[in-house]
Structure formats: C-alpha cells, structure tokens
C-alpha atoms as a PDB file:
ATOM      1  CA  UNK A   1      15.856   5.653 -12.205  1.00  0.00           C
ATOM      2  CA  UNK A   2      16.176   1.647 -12.047  1.00  0.00           C
ATOM      3  CA  UNK A   3      13.200  -0.146 -13.995  1.00  0.00           C
ATOM      4  CA  UNK A   4      12.128  -2.293 -11.210  1.00  0.00           C
ATOM      5  CA  UNK A   5      11.843   1.273  -9.467  1.00  0.00           C
ATOM      6  CA  UNK A   6       9.902   2.733 -12.585  1.00  0.00           C
ATOM      7  CA  UNK A   7       7.588  -0.543 -12.848  1.00  0.00           C
ATOM      8  CA  UNK A   8       6.558  -0.906  -9.252  1.00  0.00           C
ATOM      9  CA  UNK A   9       5.885   3.349  -9.142  1.00  0.00           C
ATOM     10  CA  UNK A  10       4.308   3.366 -12.566  1.00  0.00           C
ATOM     11  CA  UNK A  11       2.173   0.440 -12.301  1.00  0.00           C
ATOM     12  CA  UNK A  12       2.255  -0.740  -8.703  1.00  0.00           C
ATOM     13  CA  UNK A  13       1.312   2.804  -7.224  1.00  0.00           C
ATOM     14  CA  UNK A  14      -2.222   3.100  -8.658  1.00  0.00           C
ATOM     15  CA  UNK A  15      -2.982   0.246  -6.327  1.00  0.00           C
ATOM     16  CA  UNK A  16      -2.686   2.233  -3.233  1.00  0.00           C
ATOM     17  CA  UNK A  17      -4.693   4.870  -4.766  1.00  0.00           C
ATOM     18  CA  UNK A  18      -7.585   2.360  -5.450  1.00  0.00           C
ATOM     19  CA  UNK A  19      -7.372   1.099  -2.191  1.00  0.00           C
ATOM     20  CA  UNK A  20      -7.618   4.571  -0.609  1.00  0.00           C
ATOM     21  CA  UNK A  21     -10.609   4.759  -2.470  1.00  0.00           C
ATOM     22  CA  UNK A  22     -12.061   1.302  -1.431  1.00  0.00           C
ATOM     23  CA  UNK A  23     -12.117   2.309   1.906  1.00  0.00           C
ATOM     24  CA  UNK A  24     -11.627  -0.904   3.476  1.00  0.00           C
ATOM     25  CA  UNK A  25      -8.006  -0.412   3.625  1.00  0.00           C
ATOM     26  CA  UNK A  26      -7.763   2.871   5.599  1.00  0.00           C
ATOM     27  CA  UNK A  27      -9.082   6.363   4.649  1.00  0.00           C
ATOM     28  CA  UNK A  28      -6.142   7.862   3.783  1.00  0.00           C
ATOM     29  CA  UNK A  29      -2.721   6.945   1.831  1.00  0.00           C
ATOM     30  CA  UNK A  30      -0.615   6.733   5.192  1.00  0.00           C
ATOM     31  CA  UNK A  31      -2.798   4.181   6.418  1.00  0.00           C
ATOM     32  CA  UNK A  32      -3.065   2.225   3.365  1.00  0.00           C
ATOM     33  CA  UNK A  33       0.898   2.351   2.835  1.00  0.00           C
ATOM     34  CA  UNK A  34       1.808   1.179   6.210  1.00  0.00           C
ATOM     35  CA  UNK A  35      -0.897  -0.893   6.849  1.00  0.00           C
ATOM     36  CA  UNK A  36       0.962  -4.352   8.648  1.00  0.00           C
ATOM     37  CA  UNK A  37       2.218  -6.673   5.687  1.00  0.00           C
ATOM     38  CA  UNK A  38       0.618  -5.124   2.947  1.00  0.00           C
ATOM     39  CA  UNK A  39       3.555  -2.870   1.135  1.00  0.00           C
ATOM     40  CA  UNK A  40       7.055  -4.702   1.925  1.00  0.00           C
ATOM     41  CA  UNK A  41       9.080  -1.816   1.993  1.00  0.00           C
ATOM     42  CA  UNK A  42       6.901  -0.383   5.005  1.00  0.00           C
ATOM     43  CA  UNK A  43       7.658  -3.680   7.044  1.00  0.00           C
ATOM     44  CA  UNK A  44       9.981  -3.523  10.111  1.00  0.00           C
ATOM     45  CA  UNK A  45      12.804  -5.429   8.895  1.00  0.00           C
ATOM     46  CA  UNK A  46      12.779  -4.996   5.381  1.00  0.00           C
ATOM     47  CA  UNK A  47      15.867  -3.966   3.937  1.00  0.00           C
ATOM     48  CA  UNK A  48      14.359  -0.858   2.179  1.00  0.00           C
ATOM     49  CA  UNK A  49      12.691   0.281   5.237  1.00  0.00           C
ATOM     50  CA  UNK A  50      15.635   2.757   6.514  1.00  0.00           C
ATOM     51  CA  UNK A  51      14.809   4.600   2.908  1.00  0.00           C
ATOM     52  CA  UNK A  52      11.534   4.890   3.838  1.00  0.00           C
ATOM     53  CA  UNK A  53      12.081   6.600   7.161  1.00  0.00           C
ATOM     54  CA  UNK A  54      14.747   8.683   5.553  1.00  0.00           C
ATOM     55  CA  UNK A  55      15.080   9.003   1.958  1.00  0.00           C
ATOM     56  CA  UNK A  56      18.447  10.418   2.000  1.00  0.00           C
ATOM     57  CA  UNK A  57      19.970   8.345   4.529  1.00  0.00           C
ATOM     58  CA  UNK A  58      22.933   7.917   2.090  1.00  0.00           C
ATOM     59  CA  UNK A  59      25.034   9.758  -0.085  1.00  0.00           C
ATOM     60  CA  UNK A  60      24.297   8.099  -3.108  1.00  0.00           C
ATOM     61  CA  UNK A  61      23.185  10.693  -6.047  1.00  0.00           C
ATOM     62  CA  UNK A  62      21.267   7.722  -7.853  1.00  0.00           C
ATOM     63  CA  UNK A  63      19.285   6.856  -4.878  1.00  0.00           C
ATOM     64  CA  UNK A  64      18.464  10.691  -4.496  1.00  0.00           C
ATOM     65  CA  UNK A  65      17.268  11.117  -7.537  1.00  0.00           C
ATOM     66  CA  UNK A  66      15.170   8.193  -7.988  1.00  0.00           C
ATOM     67  CA  UNK A  67      13.504   9.281  -4.645  1.00  0.00           C
ATOM     68  CA  UNK A  68      12.647  12.762  -6.363  1.00  0.00           C
ATOM     69  CA  UNK A  69      11.123  10.678  -9.236  1.00  0.00           C
ATOM     70  CA  UNK A  70       9.297   8.563  -6.771  1.00  0.00           C
ATOM     71  CA  UNK A  71       8.132  11.536  -4.842  1.00  0.00           C
ATOM     72  CA  UNK A  72       6.646  13.522  -8.273  1.00  0.00           C
ATOM     73  CA  UNK A  73       4.968  10.330  -9.518  1.00  0.00           C
ATOM     74  CA  UNK A  74       3.773   9.780  -6.224  1.00  0.00           C
ATOM     75  CA  UNK A  75       2.012  13.405  -6.502  1.00  0.00           C
ATOM     76  CA  UNK A  76       1.033  12.785  -9.895  1.00  0.00           C
ATOM     77  CA  UNK A  77      -1.038   9.612  -8.674  1.00  0.00           C
ATOM     78  CA  UNK A  78      -2.949  11.499  -5.782  1.00  0.00           C
ATOM     79  CA  UNK A  79      -3.758  14.503  -7.643  1.00  0.00           C
ATOM     80  CA  UNK A  80      -4.997  11.664 -10.199  1.00  0.00           C
ATOM     81  CA  UNK A  81      -2.982  12.896 -13.048  1.00  0.00           C
ATOM     82  CA  UNK A  82      -1.567   9.316 -13.817  1.00  0.00           C
ATOM     83  CA  UNK A  83      -4.032   6.920 -15.827  1.00  0.00           C
ATOM     84  CA  UNK A  84      -4.634   3.609 -14.067  1.00  0.00           C
ATOM     85  CA  UNK A  85      -3.015   0.781 -16.119  1.00  0.00           C
ATOM     86  CA  UNK A  86      -4.345  -1.886 -13.771  1.00  0.00           C
ATOM     87  CA  UNK A  87      -8.021  -1.786 -14.545  1.00  0.00           C
ATOM     88  CA  UNK A  88      -8.728  -0.897 -10.726  1.00  0.00           C
ATOM     89  CA  UNK A  89      -6.506  -3.807  -9.086  1.00  0.00           C
ATOM     90  CA  UNK A  90      -5.729  -3.047  -5.318  1.00  0.00           C
ATOM     91  CA  UNK A  91      -3.139  -5.867  -5.060  1.00  0.00           C
ATOM     92  CA  UNK A  92      -0.063  -7.074  -7.205  1.00  0.00           C
ATOM     93  CA  UNK A  93       2.943  -9.182  -7.011  1.00  0.00           C
ATOM     94  CA  UNK A  94       5.810 -10.389  -9.229  1.00  0.00           C
ATOM     95  CA  UNK A  95       6.050 -13.461 -10.746  1.00  0.00           C
ATOM     96  CA  UNK A  96       9.453 -13.871  -9.319  1.00  0.00           C
ATOM     97  CA  UNK A  97       7.817 -14.890  -5.906  1.00  0.00           C
ATOM     98  CA  UNK A  98       5.148 -17.744  -5.238  1.00  0.00           C
ATOM     99  CA  UNK A  99       1.516 -16.881  -5.976  1.00  0.00           C
ATOM    100  CA  UNK A 100      -0.250 -15.473  -3.296  1.00  0.00           C
ATOM    101  CA  UNK A 101      -3.176 -17.338  -1.444  1.00  0.00           C
ATOM    102  CA  UNK A 102      -5.407 -14.512  -2.692  1.00  0.00           C
ATOM    103  CA  UNK A 103      -4.453 -14.483  -6.509  1.00  0.00           C
ATOM    104  CA  UNK A 104      -6.463 -16.499  -8.404  1.00  0.00           C
ATOM    105  CA  UNK A 105      -8.680 -16.252 -11.964  1.00  0.00           C
ATOM    106  CA  UNK A 106     -11.753 -14.603 -10.419  1.00  0.00           C
ATOM    107  CA  UNK A 107      -9.614 -11.705  -9.052  1.00  0.00           C
ATOM    108  CA  UNK A 108      -7.141 -11.335 -12.082  1.00  0.00           C
ATOM    109  CA  UNK A 109      -7.239  -8.037 -14.049  1.00  0.00           C
ATOM    110  CA  UNK A 110      -3.911  -7.839 -15.874  1.00  0.00           C
ATOM    111  CA  UNK A 111      -0.215  -8.952 -16.019  1.00  0.00           C
ATOM    112  CA  UNK A 112       1.955  -5.989 -16.904  1.00  0.00           C
ATOM    113  CA  UNK A 113       5.705  -7.045 -17.495  1.00  0.00           C
ATOM    114  CA  UNK A 114       6.609  -9.176 -14.648  1.00  0.00           C
ATOM    115  CA  UNK A 115       3.876  -7.664 -12.107  1.00  0.00           C
ATOM    116  CA  UNK A 116       0.248  -9.651 -11.999  1.00  0.00           C
ATOM    117  CA  UNK A 117      -2.459  -7.239 -10.950  1.00  0.00           C
ATOM    118  CA  UNK A 118      -5.681  -8.620  -8.789  1.00  0.00           C
ATOM    119  CA  UNK A 119      -8.612  -6.683  -7.617  1.00  0.00           C
ATOM    120  CA  UNK A 120     -10.066  -8.388  -4.414  1.00  0.00           C
END
C-alpha cells in the first residue's frame, strides 16, 4: 500500500467517524463522506472519483490490494477497533496545500507527518 494511502486511512479516517459522532455532518458514514466538498475523492471531477465509484475499474493488482486494505481499515474504524490518533479532529489538510480558512490555533489538535488535524 502506498504510504500516502496508509497515512490518509490511518489518520484521516477517524475524522469521518468523528463527524458521524458529531451529528452536524450527517447521521451516517455515507452522508458524511459524500457531503459536497468535504472529502475530495468523492467530488465530481476528482481524478480519484472513478476508483470510488468502482474500486476495481482497472486491472492494477496494487490498486486492488490497496482497496482491500482500505476496506479492512474502514471496517475497523467503524467498529471502533482503531484508536483515534487525532484527538477528536473532524477536519484535516496536508501541508502541501494552502492553509484552509477554517484552520487556526484554536481548532488545531495535532500534526501527524504532513497532516494537520483540527476540530471545528
């Protein structure tokens, strides 16, 4: 599994669970992850969107193995088997992009590798 996938799944995915538990983002995982402009892979036009719609849309064995691992990690997070390393964060962004308008010292929780986590 590519490192970026691992980082986002292990550290980014708890933000989804935290949003479900907050109830302000949707009352289930589907509503949270598909809410417009929240998780970029679900946005129309995002280059990763075809893999969201059909994880096996190509014959790349590495992608298929990565999808299976993602599925396993997601199940563990939903079942509460993965501890939240983000201290309850419900937002995150990578240092490779400009700081989002919502990120500030008051909402900041933790930085893990290249990801900044915030609770709004």
